[in-house]
Amino acid sequence: MKECPFCNHKEEESVLKNELCFARFDKYPVSKGHLLVIPWRHFDNYFDATREEKIALIDLIDEARNLLDKEFNPDGYNIGVNIGIPAGQSVMHLHIHIIPRYIGDTENPRGGVRGVLPRKRNYRINSE
């Protein structure tokens, strides 16, 4: 069985942390400043997090935004969790992506996280 890269991370890779989770830069970033927020406890699924872990994750997401705003000054954010192989999860230890977005980083950002299924990304909002 392959070792978990989040259970065996190097302490110097952590840029933020609290009692229940830590944040580090993604090793394969989608954009400049792409962070991962990861619980210390090993489990694969957001829905298996305790209430306390969920609160700690949200707190660290907020801290991460402050850090990213200061360091990279992005124009927007995507926050996402992949749960299960069909949803694109490749490391079976819960991690939340905080992806800074910049004007011009994609031709048409409309649809945001809906882009995980490209054919569903472009949609029309009925104004009626």
C-alpha atoms as a PDB file:
ATOM      1  CA  MET A   1       0.000   0.000   0.000  1.00  0.00           C
ATOM      2  CA  LYS A   2       1.325   3.417  -0.949  1.00  0.00           C
ATOM      3  CA  GLU A   3       2.171   5.726   1.944  1.00  0.00           C
ATOM      4  CA  CYS A   4      -0.121   8.675   2.503  1.00  0.00           C
ATOM      5  CA  PRO A   5       1.670  11.888   1.461  1.00  0.00           C
ATOM      6  CA  PHE A   6      -0.441  13.934   3.876  1.00  0.00           C
ATOM      7  CA  CYS A   7       0.220  11.726   6.897  1.00  0.00           C
ATOM      8  CA  ASN A   8       3.939  11.802   6.159  1.00  0.00           C
ATOM      9  CA  HIS A   9       4.356  15.451   5.171  1.00  0.00           C
ATOM     10  CA  LYS A  10       7.349  17.526   6.154  1.00  0.00           C
ATOM     11  CA  GLU A  11       6.652  20.027   8.913  1.00  0.00           C
ATOM     12  CA  GLU A  12       8.359  22.823   6.962  1.00  0.00           C
ATOM     13  CA  GLU A  13       5.742  22.393   4.200  1.00  0.00           C
ATOM     14  CA  SER A  14       2.967  23.621   6.507  1.00  0.00           C
ATOM     15  CA  VAL A  15       2.150  27.295   6.006  1.00  0.00           C
ATOM     16  CA  LEU A  16      -0.760  27.373   8.461  1.00  0.00           C
ATOM     17  CA  LYS A  17      -2.013  25.013  11.129  1.00  0.00           C
ATOM     18  CA  ASN A  18      -4.321  24.589  14.059  1.00  0.00           C
ATOM     19  CA  GLU A  19      -5.013  21.759  16.470  1.00  0.00           C
ATOM     20  CA  LEU A  20      -6.911  19.595  13.943  1.00  0.00           C
ATOM     21  CA  CYS A  21      -5.583  20.517  10.502  1.00  0.00           C
ATOM     22  CA  PHE A  22      -2.848  22.175   8.483  1.00  0.00           C
ATOM     23  CA  ALA A  23      -2.423  23.924   5.153  1.00  0.00           C
ATOM     24  CA  ARG A  24       0.331  23.552   2.592  1.00  0.00           C
ATOM     25  CA  PHE A  25       0.873  24.596  -0.987  1.00  0.00           C
ATOM     26  CA  ASP A  26      -0.264  22.078  -3.590  1.00  0.00           C
ATOM     27  CA  LYS A  27       2.698  20.331  -5.241  1.00  0.00           C
ATOM     28  CA  TYR A  28       0.845  20.423  -8.574  1.00  0.00           C
ATOM     29  CA  PRO A  29      -0.824  23.850  -8.401  1.00  0.00           C
ATOM     30  CA  VAL A  30      -3.659  24.889 -10.673  1.00  0.00           C
ATOM     31  CA  SER A  31      -2.740  28.537 -10.061  1.00  0.00           C
ATOM     32  CA  LYS A  32      -0.236  30.635  -8.150  1.00  0.00           C
ATOM     33  CA  GLY A  33      -0.952  30.160  -4.434  1.00  0.00           C
ATOM     34  CA  HIS A  34      -3.035  26.951  -4.705  1.00  0.00           C
ATOM     35  CA  LEU A  35      -3.312  25.622  -1.137  1.00  0.00           C
ATOM     36  CA  LEU A  36      -4.565  22.399   0.407  1.00  0.00           C
ATOM     37  CA  VAL A  37      -6.209  22.303   3.842  1.00  0.00           C
ATOM     38  CA  ILE A  38      -5.747  18.856   5.368  1.00  0.00           C
ATOM     39  CA  PRO A  39      -6.861  17.284   8.662  1.00  0.00           C
ATOM     40  CA  TRP A  40      -4.125  15.716  10.779  1.00  0.00           C
ATOM     41  CA  ARG A  41      -6.269  12.599  11.291  1.00  0.00           C
ATOM     42  CA  HIS A  42      -6.252  10.204   8.344  1.00  0.00           C
ATOM     43  CA  PHE A  43      -9.646   9.612   6.733  1.00  0.00           C
ATOM     44  CA  ASP A  44     -10.688   9.967   3.128  1.00  0.00           C
ATOM     45  CA  ASN A  45     -14.118  11.540   3.095  1.00  0.00           C
ATOM     46  CA  TYR A  46     -15.344  15.021   4.109  1.00  0.00           C
ATOM     47  CA  PHE A  47     -18.524  13.428   5.415  1.00  0.00           C
ATOM     48  CA  ASP A  48     -16.469  11.371   7.893  1.00  0.00           C
ATOM     49  CA  ALA A  49     -14.997  14.497   9.513  1.00  0.00           C
ATOM     50  CA  THR A  50     -16.178  15.249  13.016  1.00  0.00           C
ATOM     51  CA  ARG A  51     -18.013  18.494  13.660  1.00  0.00           C
ATOM     52  CA  GLU A  52     -14.888  19.823  15.383  1.00  0.00           C
ATOM     53  CA  GLU A  53     -12.738  18.905  12.374  1.00  0.00           C
ATOM     54  CA  LYS A  54     -15.162  20.634  10.005  1.00  0.00           C
ATOM     55  CA  ILE A  55     -15.024  23.804  12.110  1.00  0.00           C
ATOM     56  CA  ALA A  56     -11.209  23.642  12.222  1.00  0.00           C
ATOM     57  CA  LEU A  57     -11.084  23.157   8.437  1.00  0.00           C
ATOM     58  CA  ILE A  58     -13.343  26.171   7.861  1.00  0.00           C
ATOM     59  CA  ASP A  59     -11.276  28.281  10.265  1.00  0.00           C
ATOM     60  CA  LEU A  60      -8.112  27.377   8.376  1.00  0.00           C
ATOM     61  CA  ILE A  61      -9.768  28.096   5.014  1.00  0.00           C
ATOM     62  CA  ASP A  62     -10.482  31.612   6.299  1.00  0.00           C
ATOM     63  CA  GLU A  63      -6.880  32.005   7.493  1.00  0.00           C
ATOM     64  CA  ALA A  64      -5.666  30.710   4.136  1.00  0.00           C
ATOM     65  CA  ARG A  65      -7.678  33.344   2.325  1.00  0.00           C
ATOM     66  CA  ASN A  66      -6.065  36.063   4.437  1.00  0.00           C
ATOM     67  CA  LEU A  67      -2.607  34.677   3.670  1.00  0.00           C
ATOM     68  CA  LEU A  68      -3.331  34.359  -0.055  1.00  0.00           C
ATOM     69  CA  ASP A  69      -4.842  37.848  -0.245  1.00  0.00           C
ATOM     70  CA  LYS A  70      -1.650  39.298   1.259  1.00  0.00           C
ATOM     71  CA  GLU A  71       0.832  37.165  -0.682  1.00  0.00           C
ATOM     72  CA  PHE A  72      -0.812  36.815  -4.107  1.00  0.00           C
ATOM     73  CA  ASN A  73      -3.719  39.293  -4.285  1.00  0.00           C
ATOM     74  CA  PRO A  74      -6.026  37.030  -6.365  1.00  0.00           C
ATOM     75  CA  ASP A  75      -9.215  38.282  -7.975  1.00  0.00           C
ATOM     76  CA  GLY A  76     -11.358  35.349  -6.792  1.00  0.00           C
ATOM     77  CA  TYR A  77     -11.309  31.824  -5.371  1.00  0.00           C
ATOM     78  CA  ASN A  78     -12.583  28.313  -5.980  1.00  0.00           C
ATOM     79  CA  ILE A  79     -12.818  26.049  -2.938  1.00  0.00           C
ATOM     80  CA  GLY A  80     -13.370  22.378  -3.621  1.00  0.00           C
ATOM     81  CA  VAL A  81     -13.331  18.875  -2.218  1.00  0.00           C
ATOM     82  CA  ASN A  82     -13.072  15.729  -4.326  1.00  0.00           C
ATOM     83  CA  ILE A  83     -14.808  12.821  -2.626  1.00  0.00           C
ATOM     84  CA  GLY A  84     -14.166   9.429  -4.198  1.00  0.00           C
ATOM     85  CA  ILE A  85     -12.346   8.301  -7.314  1.00  0.00           C
ATOM     86  CA  PRO A  86     -15.293   9.113  -9.641  1.00  0.00           C
ATOM     87  CA  ALA A  87     -15.099  12.724  -8.370  1.00  0.00           C
ATOM     88  CA  GLY A  88     -11.373  12.932  -9.091  1.00  0.00           C
ATOM     89  CA  GLN A  89      -9.940  12.180  -5.649  1.00  0.00           C
ATOM     90  CA  SER A  90      -6.430  10.792  -6.104  1.00  0.00           C
ATOM     91  CA  VAL A  91      -5.101  10.941  -2.526  1.00  0.00           C
ATOM     92  CA  MET A  92      -7.407   9.096  -0.153  1.00  0.00           C
ATOM     93  CA  HIS A  93      -6.890  11.500   2.736  1.00  0.00           C
ATOM     94  CA  LEU A  94      -9.364  14.356   2.947  1.00  0.00           C
ATOM     95  CA  HIS A  95      -8.006  17.618   1.566  1.00  0.00           C
ATOM     96  CA  ILE A  96      -9.720  20.825   0.543  1.00  0.00           C
ATOM     97  CA  HIS A  97      -8.387  22.804  -2.413  1.00  0.00           C
ATOM     98  CA  ILE A  98      -8.245  26.590  -2.145  1.00  0.00           C
ATOM     99  CA  ILE A  99      -7.520  27.786  -5.656  1.00  0.00           C
ATOM    100  CA  PRO A 100      -6.818  31.475  -6.161  1.00  0.00           C
ATOM    101  CA  ARG A 101      -8.243  32.794  -9.426  1.00  0.00           C
ATOM    102  CA  TYR A 102      -6.941  35.640 -11.509  1.00  0.00           C
ATOM    103  CA  ILE A 103      -8.591  37.732 -14.183  1.00  0.00           C
ATOM    104  CA  GLY A 104      -7.605  36.185 -17.508  1.00  0.00           C
ATOM    105  CA  ASP A 105      -6.505  32.790 -16.118  1.00  0.00           C
ATOM    106  CA  THR A 106      -9.212  31.210 -18.266  1.00  0.00           C
ATOM    107  CA  GLU A 107     -11.057  32.566 -21.268  1.00  0.00           C
ATOM    108  CA  ASN A 108     -14.530  32.210 -19.756  1.00  0.00           C
ATOM    109  CA  PRO A 109     -14.752  31.414 -16.037  1.00  0.00           C
ATOM    110  CA  ARG A 110     -18.563  31.280 -16.038  1.00  0.00           C
ATOM    111  CA  GLY A 111     -19.776  28.075 -14.458  1.00  0.00           C
ATOM    112  CA  GLY A 112     -16.844  27.866 -12.001  1.00  0.00           C
ATOM    113  CA  VAL A 113     -16.861  24.525 -10.216  1.00  0.00           C
ATOM    114  CA  ARG A 114     -19.500  23.256 -12.643  1.00  0.00           C
ATOM    115  CA  GLY A 115     -16.529  22.828 -14.990  1.00  0.00           C
ATOM    116  CA  VAL A 116     -15.732  19.472 -13.420  1.00  0.00           C
ATOM    117  CA  LEU A 117     -18.161  18.162 -16.043  1.00  0.00           C
ATOM    118  CA  PRO A 118     -17.176  20.269 -19.067  1.00  0.00           C
ATOM    119  CA  ARG A 119     -20.419  19.662 -20.952  1.00  0.00           C
ATOM    120  CA  LYS A 120     -22.332  21.094 -17.949  1.00  0.00           C
ATOM    121  CA  ARG A 121     -20.117  24.137 -17.470  1.00  0.00           C
ATOM    122  CA  ASN A 122     -21.905  26.448 -19.868  1.00  0.00           C
ATOM    123  CA  TYR A 123     -25.478  26.940 -18.839  1.00  0.00           C
ATOM    124  CA  ARG A 124     -28.072  29.576 -19.385  1.00  0.00           C
ATOM    125  CA  ILE A 125     -29.762  31.276 -16.470  1.00  0.00           C
ATOM    126  CA  ASN A 126     -33.396  31.864 -17.271  1.00  0.00           C
ATOM    127  CA  SER A 127     -34.219  35.468 -16.389  1.00  0.00           C
ATOM    128  CA  GLU A 128     -37.954  34.828 -16.045  1.00  0.00           C
END
